[in-house]
N, C-alpha and C. Protein backbone atom coordinates (compact mmCIF):
# COMPACT_ATOMS: atom_id res chain seq x y z
N UNK A 1 -27.59 -16.74 14.38
CA UNK A 1 -28.25 -15.69 13.61
C UNK A 1 -29.37 -16.27 12.77
N UNK A 2 -30.50 -15.67 12.79
CA UNK A 2 -31.65 -16.24 12.07
C UNK A 2 -31.57 -15.96 10.58
N UNK A 3 -32.19 -16.80 9.81
CA UNK A 3 -32.18 -16.66 8.37
C UNK A 3 -33.59 -16.35 7.87
N UNK A 4 -33.68 -15.59 6.79
CA UNK A 4 -34.96 -15.29 6.18
C UNK A 4 -34.85 -15.51 4.69
N UNK A 5 -35.97 -15.59 4.05
CA UNK A 5 -35.98 -15.79 2.60
C UNK A 5 -36.01 -14.47 1.85
N UNK A 6 -36.02 -13.35 2.59
CA UNK A 6 -36.01 -12.04 1.96
C UNK A 6 -34.57 -11.60 1.74
N UNK A 7 -34.36 -10.29 1.55
CA UNK A 7 -33.00 -9.78 1.36
C UNK A 7 -32.12 -10.15 2.55
N UNK A 8 -30.85 -10.41 2.25
CA UNK A 8 -29.91 -10.73 3.33
C UNK A 8 -29.75 -9.50 4.22
N UNK A 9 -29.87 -9.72 5.52
CA UNK A 9 -29.77 -8.64 6.50
C UNK A 9 -28.38 -8.68 7.12
N UNK A 10 -27.66 -7.56 7.05
CA UNK A 10 -26.29 -7.57 7.57
C UNK A 10 -26.06 -6.47 8.59
N UNK A 11 -25.10 -6.73 9.45
CA UNK A 11 -24.57 -5.72 10.36
C UNK A 11 -23.17 -5.38 9.89
N UNK A 12 -22.86 -4.08 9.84
CA UNK A 12 -21.51 -3.61 9.50
C UNK A 12 -20.85 -3.07 10.76
N UNK A 13 -19.61 -3.48 11.02
CA UNK A 13 -18.89 -2.98 12.18
C UNK A 13 -17.53 -2.46 11.74
N UNK A 14 -17.32 -1.16 11.93
CA UNK A 14 -16.08 -0.50 11.53
C UNK A 14 -15.98 0.80 12.32
N UNK A 15 -14.77 1.13 12.76
CA UNK A 15 -14.65 2.36 13.56
C UNK A 15 -14.36 3.59 12.72
N UNK A 16 -14.51 3.48 11.41
CA UNK A 16 -14.38 4.63 10.52
C UNK A 16 -15.75 4.87 9.86
N UNK A 17 -16.54 5.79 10.39
CA UNK A 17 -17.92 6.01 9.92
C UNK A 17 -18.04 6.26 8.42
N UNK A 18 -17.12 7.04 7.86
CA UNK A 18 -17.21 7.37 6.43
C UNK A 18 -17.03 6.10 5.59
N UNK A 19 -16.05 5.29 5.97
CA UNK A 19 -15.81 4.04 5.26
C UNK A 19 -17.02 3.13 5.37
N UNK A 20 -17.56 3.02 6.58
CA UNK A 20 -18.69 2.14 6.82
C UNK A 20 -19.92 2.60 6.03
N UNK A 21 -20.14 3.89 6.00
CA UNK A 21 -21.28 4.43 5.26
C UNK A 21 -21.16 4.13 3.76
N UNK A 22 -19.95 4.23 3.25
CA UNK A 22 -19.73 3.92 1.85
C UNK A 22 -20.03 2.48 1.52
N UNK A 23 -19.57 1.56 2.34
CA UNK A 23 -19.86 0.15 2.11
C UNK A 23 -21.35 -0.16 2.30
N UNK A 24 -21.98 0.52 3.26
CA UNK A 24 -23.41 0.31 3.48
C UNK A 24 -24.21 0.70 2.23
N UNK A 25 -23.83 1.82 1.63
CA UNK A 25 -24.50 2.27 0.42
C UNK A 25 -24.28 1.27 -0.72
N UNK A 26 -23.05 0.80 -0.87
CA UNK A 26 -22.74 -0.16 -1.92
C UNK A 26 -23.54 -1.45 -1.76
N UNK A 27 -23.64 -1.92 -0.52
CA UNK A 27 -24.39 -3.15 -0.27
C UNK A 27 -25.88 -2.95 -0.56
N UNK A 28 -26.39 -1.81 -0.17
CA UNK A 28 -27.81 -1.52 -0.42
C UNK A 28 -28.10 -1.52 -1.92
N UNK A 29 -27.17 -0.98 -2.69
CA UNK A 29 -27.33 -0.95 -4.14
C UNK A 29 -27.28 -2.36 -4.75
N UNK A 30 -26.70 -3.30 -4.00
CA UNK A 30 -26.61 -4.69 -4.45
C UNK A 30 -27.78 -5.54 -3.91
N UNK A 31 -28.76 -4.87 -3.27
CA UNK A 31 -29.93 -5.58 -2.77
C UNK A 31 -29.76 -6.23 -1.41
N UNK A 32 -28.75 -5.79 -0.67
CA UNK A 32 -28.49 -6.32 0.67
C UNK A 32 -28.90 -5.27 1.70
N UNK A 33 -29.66 -5.68 2.69
CA UNK A 33 -30.19 -4.75 3.69
C UNK A 33 -29.21 -4.60 4.87
N UNK A 34 -28.73 -3.38 5.08
CA UNK A 34 -27.85 -3.10 6.21
C UNK A 34 -28.74 -2.68 7.39
N UNK A 35 -28.87 -3.55 8.37
CA UNK A 35 -29.80 -3.29 9.48
C UNK A 35 -29.16 -2.50 10.62
N UNK A 36 -27.81 -2.46 10.65
CA UNK A 36 -27.14 -1.72 11.72
C UNK A 36 -25.69 -1.44 11.33
N UNK A 37 -25.17 -0.35 11.90
CA UNK A 37 -23.77 0.01 11.72
C UNK A 37 -23.17 0.23 13.10
N UNK A 38 -22.20 -0.59 13.47
CA UNK A 38 -21.58 -0.51 14.79
C UNK A 38 -20.19 0.09 14.69
N UNK A 39 -19.85 0.93 15.66
CA UNK A 39 -18.54 1.59 15.63
C UNK A 39 -17.55 0.99 16.62
N UNK A 40 -17.97 0.00 17.38
CA UNK A 40 -17.07 -0.63 18.35
C UNK A 40 -17.42 -2.11 18.46
N UNK A 41 -16.49 -2.93 18.94
CA UNK A 41 -16.78 -4.35 19.12
C UNK A 41 -17.96 -4.58 20.05
N UNK A 42 -18.02 -3.83 21.15
CA UNK A 42 -19.12 -4.03 22.09
C UNK A 42 -20.47 -3.68 21.46
N UNK A 43 -20.48 -2.60 20.68
CA UNK A 43 -21.71 -2.22 20.01
C UNK A 43 -22.12 -3.28 18.99
N UNK A 44 -21.14 -3.87 18.33
CA UNK A 44 -21.42 -4.93 17.36
C UNK A 44 -22.07 -6.13 18.05
N UNK A 45 -21.55 -6.50 19.20
CA UNK A 45 -22.11 -7.63 19.94
C UNK A 45 -23.54 -7.33 20.40
N UNK A 46 -23.75 -6.11 20.89
CA UNK A 46 -25.08 -5.73 21.37
C UNK A 46 -26.09 -5.71 20.23
N UNK A 47 -25.70 -5.17 19.07
CA UNK A 47 -26.63 -5.08 17.95
C UNK A 47 -26.89 -6.45 17.32
N UNK A 48 -25.89 -7.30 17.33
CA UNK A 48 -26.11 -8.67 16.83
C UNK A 48 -27.13 -9.39 17.71
N UNK A 49 -27.00 -9.20 19.02
CA UNK A 49 -27.93 -9.84 19.94
C UNK A 49 -29.34 -9.29 19.76
N UNK A 50 -29.44 -7.99 19.53
CA UNK A 50 -30.76 -7.35 19.44
C UNK A 50 -31.43 -7.57 18.09
N UNK A 51 -30.65 -7.54 17.02
CA UNK A 51 -31.23 -7.54 15.67
C UNK A 51 -31.12 -8.86 14.93
N UNK A 52 -30.24 -9.74 15.40
CA UNK A 52 -30.09 -11.05 14.76
C UNK A 52 -29.88 -10.95 13.24
N UNK A 53 -28.85 -10.25 12.79
CA UNK A 53 -28.62 -10.16 11.34
C UNK A 53 -28.24 -11.53 10.76
N UNK A 54 -28.42 -11.67 9.47
CA UNK A 54 -28.04 -12.92 8.81
C UNK A 54 -26.52 -13.05 8.72
N UNK A 55 -25.86 -11.93 8.51
CA UNK A 55 -24.40 -11.92 8.34
C UNK A 55 -23.83 -10.72 9.10
N UNK A 56 -22.71 -10.94 9.79
CA UNK A 56 -22.00 -9.84 10.44
C UNK A 56 -20.73 -9.56 9.64
N UNK A 57 -20.58 -8.32 9.19
CA UNK A 57 -19.40 -7.90 8.44
C UNK A 57 -18.53 -7.09 9.39
N UNK A 58 -17.35 -7.61 9.70
CA UNK A 58 -16.52 -7.03 10.75
C UNK A 58 -15.17 -6.55 10.22
N UNK A 59 -14.76 -5.37 10.67
CA UNK A 59 -13.37 -4.98 10.50
C UNK A 59 -12.57 -5.77 11.54
N UNK A 60 -11.25 -5.77 11.43
CA UNK A 60 -10.44 -6.49 12.43
C UNK A 60 -9.95 -5.54 13.50
N UNK A 61 -9.47 -4.37 13.11
CA UNK A 61 -8.90 -3.44 14.08
C UNK A 61 -9.93 -2.41 14.54
N UNK A 62 -9.97 -2.21 15.86
CA UNK A 62 -10.84 -1.17 16.44
C UNK A 62 -10.04 -0.40 17.50
N UNK A 63 -8.96 0.26 17.06
CA UNK A 63 -8.16 1.01 18.02
C UNK A 63 -7.60 0.11 19.10
N UNK A 64 -7.74 0.54 20.35
CA UNK A 64 -7.17 -0.23 21.46
C UNK A 64 -8.19 -1.19 22.07
N UNK A 65 -9.38 -1.26 21.48
CA UNK A 65 -10.43 -2.10 22.05
C UNK A 65 -10.28 -3.55 21.58
N UNK A 66 -11.31 -4.33 21.84
CA UNK A 66 -11.36 -5.68 21.31
C UNK A 66 -11.26 -5.64 19.80
N UNK A 67 -10.87 -6.73 19.19
CA UNK A 67 -10.77 -6.79 17.74
C UNK A 67 -12.00 -7.45 17.13
N UNK A 68 -12.09 -7.36 15.81
CA UNK A 68 -13.16 -8.07 15.12
C UNK A 68 -13.04 -9.58 15.32
N UNK A 69 -11.82 -10.06 15.47
CA UNK A 69 -11.61 -11.49 15.75
C UNK A 69 -12.25 -11.87 17.09
N UNK A 70 -12.13 -10.99 18.08
CA UNK A 70 -12.75 -11.24 19.39
C UNK A 70 -14.27 -11.30 19.26
N UNK A 71 -14.83 -10.39 18.48
CA UNK A 71 -16.28 -10.37 18.25
C UNK A 71 -16.71 -11.67 17.59
N UNK A 72 -15.97 -12.07 16.57
CA UNK A 72 -16.32 -13.30 15.84
C UNK A 72 -16.27 -14.52 16.76
N UNK A 73 -15.24 -14.59 17.59
CA UNK A 73 -15.14 -15.72 18.51
C UNK A 73 -16.36 -15.79 19.43
N UNK A 74 -16.78 -14.64 19.95
CA UNK A 74 -17.93 -14.63 20.86
C UNK A 74 -19.22 -14.99 20.13
N UNK A 75 -19.40 -14.43 18.93
CA UNK A 75 -20.61 -14.74 18.16
C UNK A 75 -20.68 -16.22 17.82
N UNK A 76 -19.55 -16.79 17.44
CA UNK A 76 -19.53 -18.21 17.06
C UNK A 76 -19.63 -19.11 18.27
N UNK A 77 -19.18 -18.63 19.43
CA UNK A 77 -19.34 -19.41 20.66
C UNK A 77 -20.81 -19.49 21.05
N UNK A 78 -21.55 -18.41 20.78
CA UNK A 78 -22.97 -18.36 21.11
C UNK A 78 -23.81 -19.06 20.05
N UNK A 79 -23.34 -19.04 18.80
CA UNK A 79 -24.08 -19.66 17.69
C UNK A 79 -23.07 -20.15 16.66
N UNK A 80 -22.85 -21.45 16.63
CA UNK A 80 -21.87 -22.04 15.73
C UNK A 80 -22.19 -21.83 14.27
N UNK A 81 -23.42 -21.43 13.96
CA UNK A 81 -23.82 -21.19 12.57
C UNK A 81 -23.76 -19.72 12.19
N UNK A 82 -23.25 -18.88 13.08
CA UNK A 82 -23.15 -17.45 12.77
C UNK A 82 -22.32 -17.26 11.51
N UNK A 83 -22.77 -16.35 10.66
CA UNK A 83 -22.09 -16.07 9.40
C UNK A 83 -21.23 -14.82 9.57
N UNK A 84 -19.93 -14.98 9.48
CA UNK A 84 -19.00 -13.87 9.69
C UNK A 84 -18.23 -13.58 8.41
N UNK A 85 -18.20 -12.30 8.03
CA UNK A 85 -17.39 -11.84 6.91
C UNK A 85 -16.42 -10.79 7.46
N UNK A 86 -15.13 -10.97 7.22
CA UNK A 86 -14.16 -9.95 7.61
C UNK A 86 -13.90 -9.03 6.42
N UNK A 87 -14.01 -7.73 6.67
CA UNK A 87 -13.76 -6.70 5.66
C UNK A 87 -12.74 -5.76 6.27
N UNK A 88 -11.49 -5.83 5.81
CA UNK A 88 -10.43 -5.14 6.52
C UNK A 88 -9.30 -4.72 5.58
N UNK A 89 -8.49 -3.77 6.03
CA UNK A 89 -7.30 -3.41 5.29
C UNK A 89 -6.09 -4.18 5.81
N UNK A 90 -6.28 -4.90 6.91
CA UNK A 90 -5.19 -5.66 7.51
C UNK A 90 -5.27 -7.11 7.05
N UNK A 91 -4.27 -7.52 6.25
CA UNK A 91 -4.33 -8.86 5.69
C UNK A 91 -3.05 -9.65 5.95
N UNK A 92 -2.49 -9.47 7.16
CA UNK A 92 -1.32 -10.26 7.53
C UNK A 92 -1.68 -11.74 7.53
N UNK A 93 -0.69 -12.57 7.24
CA UNK A 93 -0.92 -14.01 7.17
C UNK A 93 -1.56 -14.56 8.44
N UNK A 94 -1.09 -14.09 9.60
CA UNK A 94 -1.62 -14.60 10.86
C UNK A 94 -3.11 -14.28 11.01
N UNK A 95 -3.53 -13.10 10.52
CA UNK A 95 -4.94 -12.73 10.63
C UNK A 95 -5.79 -13.57 9.69
N UNK A 96 -5.29 -13.80 8.49
CA UNK A 96 -6.03 -14.63 7.53
C UNK A 96 -6.21 -16.03 8.09
N UNK A 97 -5.14 -16.58 8.60
CA UNK A 97 -5.20 -17.94 9.15
C UNK A 97 -6.15 -18.01 10.35
N UNK A 98 -6.07 -17.01 11.24
CA UNK A 98 -6.93 -17.01 12.42
C UNK A 98 -8.39 -16.84 12.04
N UNK A 99 -8.67 -15.98 11.06
CA UNK A 99 -10.04 -15.79 10.60
C UNK A 99 -10.61 -17.11 10.09
N UNK A 100 -9.83 -17.84 9.33
CA UNK A 100 -10.26 -19.14 8.81
C UNK A 100 -10.42 -20.14 9.95
N UNK A 101 -9.46 -20.14 10.88
CA UNK A 101 -9.47 -21.12 11.97
C UNK A 101 -10.70 -21.00 12.85
N UNK A 102 -11.10 -19.75 13.15
CA UNK A 102 -12.22 -19.58 14.08
C UNK A 102 -13.58 -19.77 13.41
N UNK A 103 -13.59 -19.84 12.07
CA UNK A 103 -14.85 -20.15 11.39
C UNK A 103 -15.48 -19.05 10.58
N UNK A 104 -14.69 -18.01 10.22
CA UNK A 104 -15.22 -16.96 9.35
C UNK A 104 -15.57 -17.57 8.00
N UNK A 105 -16.61 -17.04 7.37
CA UNK A 105 -17.04 -17.54 6.07
C UNK A 105 -16.37 -16.82 4.91
N UNK A 106 -15.90 -15.59 5.16
CA UNK A 106 -15.29 -14.83 4.06
C UNK A 106 -14.28 -13.85 4.62
N UNK A 107 -13.29 -13.54 3.78
CA UNK A 107 -12.25 -12.57 4.14
C UNK A 107 -12.02 -11.70 2.92
N UNK A 108 -12.34 -10.42 3.05
CA UNK A 108 -12.28 -9.47 1.94
C UNK A 108 -11.48 -8.25 2.38
N UNK A 109 -10.66 -7.71 1.50
CA UNK A 109 -9.95 -6.48 1.83
C UNK A 109 -10.72 -5.27 1.31
N UNK A 110 -10.48 -4.13 1.92
CA UNK A 110 -11.29 -2.94 1.65
C UNK A 110 -11.07 -2.34 0.26
N UNK A 111 -10.10 -2.84 -0.47
CA UNK A 111 -9.92 -2.36 -1.83
C UNK A 111 -10.69 -3.21 -2.84
N UNK A 112 -11.60 -4.03 -2.33
CA UNK A 112 -12.38 -4.92 -3.20
C UNK A 112 -13.41 -4.14 -4.01
N UNK A 113 -13.90 -4.77 -5.06
CA UNK A 113 -15.02 -4.23 -5.83
C UNK A 113 -16.29 -4.45 -5.01
N UNK A 114 -17.20 -3.48 -4.96
CA UNK A 114 -18.45 -3.65 -4.19
C UNK A 114 -19.21 -4.93 -4.56
N UNK A 115 -19.17 -5.29 -5.82
CA UNK A 115 -19.88 -6.51 -6.24
C UNK A 115 -19.25 -7.75 -5.62
N UNK A 116 -17.93 -7.70 -5.40
CA UNK A 116 -17.25 -8.85 -4.79
C UNK A 116 -17.65 -8.97 -3.32
N UNK A 117 -17.77 -7.84 -2.64
CA UNK A 117 -18.22 -7.88 -1.25
C UNK A 117 -19.64 -8.44 -1.17
N UNK A 118 -20.50 -7.98 -2.05
CA UNK A 118 -21.88 -8.49 -2.06
C UNK A 118 -21.90 -9.99 -2.32
N UNK A 119 -21.06 -10.45 -3.25
CA UNK A 119 -20.99 -11.88 -3.56
C UNK A 119 -20.51 -12.67 -2.34
N UNK A 120 -19.53 -12.11 -1.62
CA UNK A 120 -19.02 -12.77 -0.43
C UNK A 120 -20.10 -12.88 0.64
N UNK A 121 -20.90 -11.81 0.79
CA UNK A 121 -22.00 -11.84 1.77
C UNK A 121 -23.02 -12.91 1.39
N UNK A 122 -23.37 -12.96 0.12
CA UNK A 122 -24.35 -13.96 -0.33
C UNK A 122 -23.82 -15.38 -0.11
N UNK A 123 -22.55 -15.59 -0.42
CA UNK A 123 -21.95 -16.92 -0.23
C UNK A 123 -21.92 -17.29 1.25
N UNK A 124 -21.54 -16.33 2.09
CA UNK A 124 -21.50 -16.58 3.53
C UNK A 124 -22.89 -16.91 4.05
N UNK A 125 -23.88 -16.16 3.59
CA UNK A 125 -25.26 -16.40 4.01
C UNK A 125 -25.72 -17.81 3.66
N UNK A 126 -25.23 -18.33 2.55
CA UNK A 126 -25.58 -19.68 2.12
C UNK A 126 -24.74 -20.76 2.79
N UNK A 127 -23.84 -20.33 3.69
CA UNK A 127 -23.00 -21.29 4.40
C UNK A 127 -21.75 -21.70 3.66
N UNK A 128 -21.43 -20.96 2.59
CA UNK A 128 -20.25 -21.28 1.80
C UNK A 128 -19.08 -20.38 2.21
N UNK A 129 -17.89 -20.74 1.75
CA UNK A 129 -16.69 -19.94 2.03
C UNK A 129 -16.37 -19.05 0.84
N UNK A 130 -15.86 -17.85 1.14
CA UNK A 130 -15.35 -17.00 0.07
C UNK A 130 -14.15 -16.21 0.58
N UNK A 131 -12.97 -16.65 0.21
CA UNK A 131 -11.75 -15.91 0.49
C UNK A 131 -11.25 -15.42 -0.86
N UNK A 132 -11.22 -14.10 -1.07
CA UNK A 132 -10.85 -13.56 -2.38
C UNK A 132 -9.57 -14.25 -2.88
N UNK A 133 -9.43 -14.42 -4.19
CA UNK A 133 -8.39 -15.29 -4.76
C UNK A 133 -6.99 -15.12 -4.19
N UNK A 134 -6.51 -13.88 -4.06
CA UNK A 134 -5.14 -13.72 -3.56
C UNK A 134 -5.03 -14.08 -2.09
N UNK A 135 -6.14 -13.93 -1.34
CA UNK A 135 -6.15 -14.33 0.06
C UNK A 135 -6.20 -15.85 0.16
N UNK A 136 -7.02 -16.47 -0.67
CA UNK A 136 -7.12 -17.94 -0.68
C UNK A 136 -5.78 -18.57 -1.04
N UNK A 137 -5.06 -17.95 -1.97
CA UNK A 137 -3.75 -18.48 -2.38
C UNK A 137 -2.77 -18.42 -1.22
N UNK A 138 -2.78 -17.31 -0.48
CA UNK A 138 -1.89 -17.20 0.68
C UNK A 138 -2.27 -18.18 1.77
N UNK A 139 -3.57 -18.40 1.96
CA UNK A 139 -4.02 -19.36 2.96
C UNK A 139 -3.56 -20.76 2.60
N UNK A 140 -3.64 -21.10 1.31
CA UNK A 140 -3.19 -22.41 0.86
C UNK A 140 -1.69 -22.58 1.07
N UNK A 141 -0.93 -21.51 0.80
CA UNK A 141 0.52 -21.55 1.00
C UNK A 141 0.86 -21.75 2.46
N UNK A 142 0.12 -21.07 3.33
CA UNK A 142 0.34 -21.23 4.77
C UNK A 142 0.08 -22.66 5.21
N UNK A 143 -0.94 -23.27 4.65
CA UNK A 143 -1.29 -24.65 5.02
C UNK A 143 -0.19 -25.61 4.63
N UNK A 144 0.48 -25.31 3.51
CA UNK A 144 1.55 -26.19 3.03
C UNK A 144 2.86 -25.94 3.77
N UNK A 145 3.22 -24.67 3.93
CA UNK A 145 4.52 -24.32 4.50
C UNK A 145 4.52 -24.30 6.02
N UNK A 146 3.34 -24.19 6.61
CA UNK A 146 3.27 -24.12 8.07
C UNK A 146 3.28 -22.67 8.55
N UNK A 147 2.66 -22.43 9.65
CA UNK A 147 2.55 -21.08 10.21
C UNK A 147 3.76 -20.81 11.10
N UNK A 148 4.55 -19.80 10.74
CA UNK A 148 5.72 -19.43 11.52
C UNK A 148 5.49 -18.16 12.34
N UNK A 149 4.23 -17.81 12.55
CA UNK A 149 3.92 -16.59 13.29
C UNK A 149 4.19 -16.78 14.78
N UNK A 150 4.43 -15.67 15.51
CA UNK A 150 4.57 -15.77 16.96
C UNK A 150 3.35 -16.42 17.61
N UNK A 151 2.15 -16.13 17.06
CA UNK A 151 0.93 -16.69 17.62
C UNK A 151 0.94 -18.22 17.60
N UNK A 152 1.57 -18.80 16.59
CA UNK A 152 1.56 -20.26 16.47
C UNK A 152 2.69 -20.91 17.27
N UNK A 153 3.72 -20.13 17.59
CA UNK A 153 4.90 -20.71 18.24
C UNK A 153 4.99 -20.46 19.74
N UNK A 154 4.23 -19.49 20.23
CA UNK A 154 4.33 -19.12 21.64
C UNK A 154 3.03 -19.44 22.38
N UNK A 155 3.17 -19.79 23.67
CA UNK A 155 1.96 -19.96 24.47
C UNK A 155 1.41 -18.58 24.83
N UNK A 156 0.26 -18.57 25.47
CA UNK A 156 -0.45 -17.31 25.70
C UNK A 156 0.37 -16.31 26.50
N UNK A 157 1.02 -16.76 27.58
CA UNK A 157 1.80 -15.83 28.41
C UNK A 157 3.04 -15.34 27.65
N UNK A 158 3.72 -16.23 26.96
CA UNK A 158 4.90 -15.82 26.19
C UNK A 158 4.53 -14.83 25.09
N UNK A 159 3.37 -15.05 24.46
CA UNK A 159 2.92 -14.13 23.41
C UNK A 159 2.62 -12.75 24.01
N UNK A 160 2.04 -12.73 25.20
CA UNK A 160 1.77 -11.46 25.88
C UNK A 160 3.07 -10.72 26.16
N UNK A 161 4.07 -11.45 26.63
CA UNK A 161 5.37 -10.85 26.92
C UNK A 161 6.04 -10.37 25.64
N UNK A 162 5.97 -11.18 24.59
CA UNK A 162 6.55 -10.80 23.30
C UNK A 162 5.93 -9.50 22.79
N UNK A 163 4.63 -9.38 22.92
CA UNK A 163 3.94 -8.18 22.45
C UNK A 163 4.41 -6.95 23.21
N UNK A 164 4.59 -7.09 24.51
CA UNK A 164 5.08 -5.96 25.31
C UNK A 164 6.53 -5.63 24.95
N UNK A 165 7.34 -6.66 24.68
CA UNK A 165 8.71 -6.42 24.21
C UNK A 165 8.69 -5.61 22.92
N UNK A 166 7.79 -5.99 22.01
CA UNK A 166 7.68 -5.31 20.72
C UNK A 166 7.23 -3.86 20.89
N UNK A 167 6.47 -3.59 21.93
CA UNK A 167 6.01 -2.23 22.20
C UNK A 167 7.09 -1.38 22.85
N UNK A 168 8.24 -2.00 23.18
CA UNK A 168 9.37 -1.26 23.72
C UNK A 168 9.49 -1.26 25.23
N UNK A 169 8.69 -2.07 25.91
CA UNK A 169 8.79 -2.13 27.37
C UNK A 169 10.06 -2.87 27.78
N UNK A 170 10.68 -2.43 28.87
CA UNK A 170 11.86 -3.11 29.39
C UNK A 170 11.42 -4.34 30.20
N UNK A 171 12.40 -5.20 30.51
CA UNK A 171 12.08 -6.38 31.32
C UNK A 171 11.49 -5.97 32.67
N UNK A 172 12.04 -4.90 33.25
CA UNK A 172 11.54 -4.43 34.54
C UNK A 172 10.09 -3.94 34.43
N UNK A 173 9.79 -3.22 33.37
CA UNK A 173 8.43 -2.72 33.17
C UNK A 173 7.45 -3.86 32.94
N UNK A 174 7.87 -4.86 32.17
CA UNK A 174 7.01 -6.02 31.92
C UNK A 174 6.77 -6.78 33.23
N UNK A 175 7.84 -6.94 34.02
CA UNK A 175 7.73 -7.65 35.29
C UNK A 175 6.75 -6.95 36.23
N UNK A 176 6.81 -5.63 36.25
CA UNK A 176 5.90 -4.86 37.11
C UNK A 176 4.46 -5.02 36.63
N UNK A 177 4.27 -4.98 35.32
CA UNK A 177 2.92 -5.09 34.78
C UNK A 177 2.32 -6.46 35.06
N UNK A 178 3.14 -7.50 35.00
CA UNK A 178 2.64 -8.87 35.20
C UNK A 178 2.80 -9.35 36.64
N UNK A 179 3.41 -8.50 37.47
CA UNK A 179 3.61 -8.82 38.89
C UNK A 179 4.43 -10.10 39.07
N UNK A 180 5.53 -10.16 38.36
CA UNK A 180 6.49 -11.27 38.52
C UNK A 180 7.88 -10.66 38.64
N UNK A 181 8.89 -11.49 38.89
CA UNK A 181 10.24 -10.98 39.06
C UNK A 181 10.88 -10.62 37.73
N UNK A 182 11.81 -9.68 37.77
CA UNK A 182 12.54 -9.29 36.57
C UNK A 182 13.34 -10.46 36.02
N UNK A 183 13.84 -11.31 36.91
CA UNK A 183 14.61 -12.47 36.48
C UNK A 183 13.73 -13.42 35.65
N UNK A 184 12.48 -13.59 36.07
CA UNK A 184 11.56 -14.45 35.33
C UNK A 184 11.35 -13.90 33.92
N UNK A 185 11.13 -12.59 33.82
CA UNK A 185 10.91 -11.98 32.51
C UNK A 185 12.17 -12.05 31.67
N UNK A 186 13.32 -11.84 32.29
CA UNK A 186 14.59 -11.91 31.56
C UNK A 186 14.79 -13.28 30.95
N UNK A 187 14.51 -14.32 31.72
CA UNK A 187 14.66 -15.69 31.22
C UNK A 187 13.65 -15.97 30.11
N UNK A 188 12.41 -15.53 30.32
CA UNK A 188 11.36 -15.78 29.33
C UNK A 188 11.64 -15.03 28.03
N UNK A 189 12.04 -13.78 28.14
CA UNK A 189 12.30 -12.99 26.94
C UNK A 189 13.45 -13.58 26.13
N UNK A 190 14.47 -14.10 26.82
CA UNK A 190 15.59 -14.73 26.11
C UNK A 190 15.11 -15.98 25.38
N UNK A 191 14.25 -16.76 26.05
CA UNK A 191 13.71 -17.97 25.43
C UNK A 191 12.86 -17.62 24.21
N UNK A 192 12.10 -16.53 24.31
CA UNK A 192 11.27 -16.08 23.19
C UNK A 192 12.14 -15.69 22.00
N UNK A 193 13.19 -14.94 22.27
CA UNK A 193 14.11 -14.52 21.20
C UNK A 193 14.72 -15.73 20.49
N UNK A 194 15.13 -16.70 21.29
CA UNK A 194 15.74 -17.90 20.71
C UNK A 194 14.73 -18.67 19.86
N UNK A 195 13.52 -18.79 20.36
CA UNK A 195 12.50 -19.57 19.66
C UNK A 195 12.11 -18.91 18.34
N UNK A 196 12.00 -17.59 18.34
CA UNK A 196 11.58 -16.87 17.14
C UNK A 196 12.74 -16.50 16.23
N UNK A 197 13.95 -16.62 16.76
CA UNK A 197 15.12 -16.28 15.94
C UNK A 197 15.31 -14.79 15.73
N UNK A 198 14.86 -13.98 16.68
CA UNK A 198 15.04 -12.53 16.60
C UNK A 198 15.66 -12.05 17.91
N UNK A 199 16.59 -11.09 17.79
CA UNK A 199 17.28 -10.64 19.00
C UNK A 199 17.32 -9.12 19.12
N UNK A 200 17.37 -8.42 18.00
CA UNK A 200 17.40 -6.96 18.05
C UNK A 200 15.99 -6.41 18.30
N UNK A 201 15.92 -5.34 19.06
CA UNK A 201 14.62 -4.74 19.40
C UNK A 201 13.84 -4.36 18.15
N UNK A 202 14.54 -3.81 17.16
CA UNK A 202 13.85 -3.39 15.94
C UNK A 202 13.27 -4.57 15.19
N UNK A 203 13.97 -5.70 15.19
CA UNK A 203 13.47 -6.91 14.52
C UNK A 203 12.26 -7.48 15.24
N UNK A 204 12.28 -7.41 16.56
CA UNK A 204 11.14 -7.88 17.35
C UNK A 204 9.91 -7.05 17.02
N UNK A 205 10.08 -5.74 16.96
CA UNK A 205 8.96 -4.85 16.64
C UNK A 205 8.44 -5.11 15.24
N UNK A 206 9.33 -5.26 14.27
CA UNK A 206 8.91 -5.53 12.90
C UNK A 206 8.14 -6.83 12.79
N UNK A 207 8.59 -7.85 13.50
CA UNK A 207 7.91 -9.15 13.48
C UNK A 207 6.50 -9.02 14.05
N UNK A 208 6.36 -8.28 15.14
CA UNK A 208 5.05 -8.10 15.76
C UNK A 208 4.11 -7.33 14.85
N UNK A 209 4.63 -6.32 14.17
CA UNK A 209 3.80 -5.54 13.24
C UNK A 209 3.37 -6.41 12.07
N UNK A 210 4.30 -7.19 11.53
CA UNK A 210 4.00 -8.02 10.36
C UNK A 210 2.88 -9.02 10.64
N UNK A 211 2.83 -9.48 11.87
CA UNK A 211 1.82 -10.49 12.23
C UNK A 211 0.63 -9.90 12.96
N UNK A 212 0.50 -8.57 12.93
CA UNK A 212 -0.71 -7.93 13.42
C UNK A 212 -0.85 -7.85 14.93
N UNK A 213 0.25 -8.02 15.67
CA UNK A 213 0.16 -7.97 17.12
C UNK A 213 0.19 -6.54 17.65
N UNK A 214 0.87 -5.67 16.94
CA UNK A 214 0.88 -4.24 17.28
C UNK A 214 0.77 -3.44 15.98
N UNK A 215 0.43 -2.19 16.10
CA UNK A 215 0.34 -1.32 14.94
C UNK A 215 1.63 -0.54 14.76
N UNK A 216 1.99 -0.30 13.51
CA UNK A 216 3.22 0.44 13.23
C UNK A 216 3.08 1.88 13.66
C-alpha cells in the first residue's frame, strides 16, 4: 500500500453498512480520509488493489464468506508492508492471536472511542502496533500460558473435521462431504476429542464458538 504525506487514506470493510457509515463519519471528523467502503472480503481486495489505501480497516466476520483474516493474509502476501487494522466485535483469544501472528498492526473492538480508532489508524500508518490495553493484556497472557485453542492443537484436516463436528454433522455426513470412509472419520473424531479433552457434543460446539470457528 502506498504512503502519502497528506491525510491517511483508509479503506473500511464491514458487512453492516450502518455500522461502517458511522465509523467512516467518525474517522473523517478525526482528519482521516475514507476512500472506500467494502461490504465483502472480495470487494475489499478489489478496492485495495484499485485504490491503494494507506491502511485497511477490516471486520473479521463476513457471514459465510471469507473472513477479514483471509483478506489480511492475502494483502500481506502481496505486500508485506500492508497496514492492517482489525475493527470487530469478535475478540476471542484465537482471533487476537491470529491477527497478531499474521502481521496486523492494530486490533480494536467496536465499542471503542472514535478517537482511539483514529489513534490506532495513525499508529498503524506509521508502522507501529496498537492493540487496545485489554486486548494487549490478553495477548501477553496467551504468550505466557500458551495457546490451547483447537487452531493451535489440530492440523488443517483435523480442524476442518472438528468444525463440522461442532456444527452438528454426523460422522457419516462428514465422511460423505470429505469423500472418505466413515471409519476414517470415526477414528479421527475420537482422536480429536481425546486431544482437546472434550467428548459431549454440546462441549464441542461451545469450544468451537469460543474460539471463533463457528457462530453461536
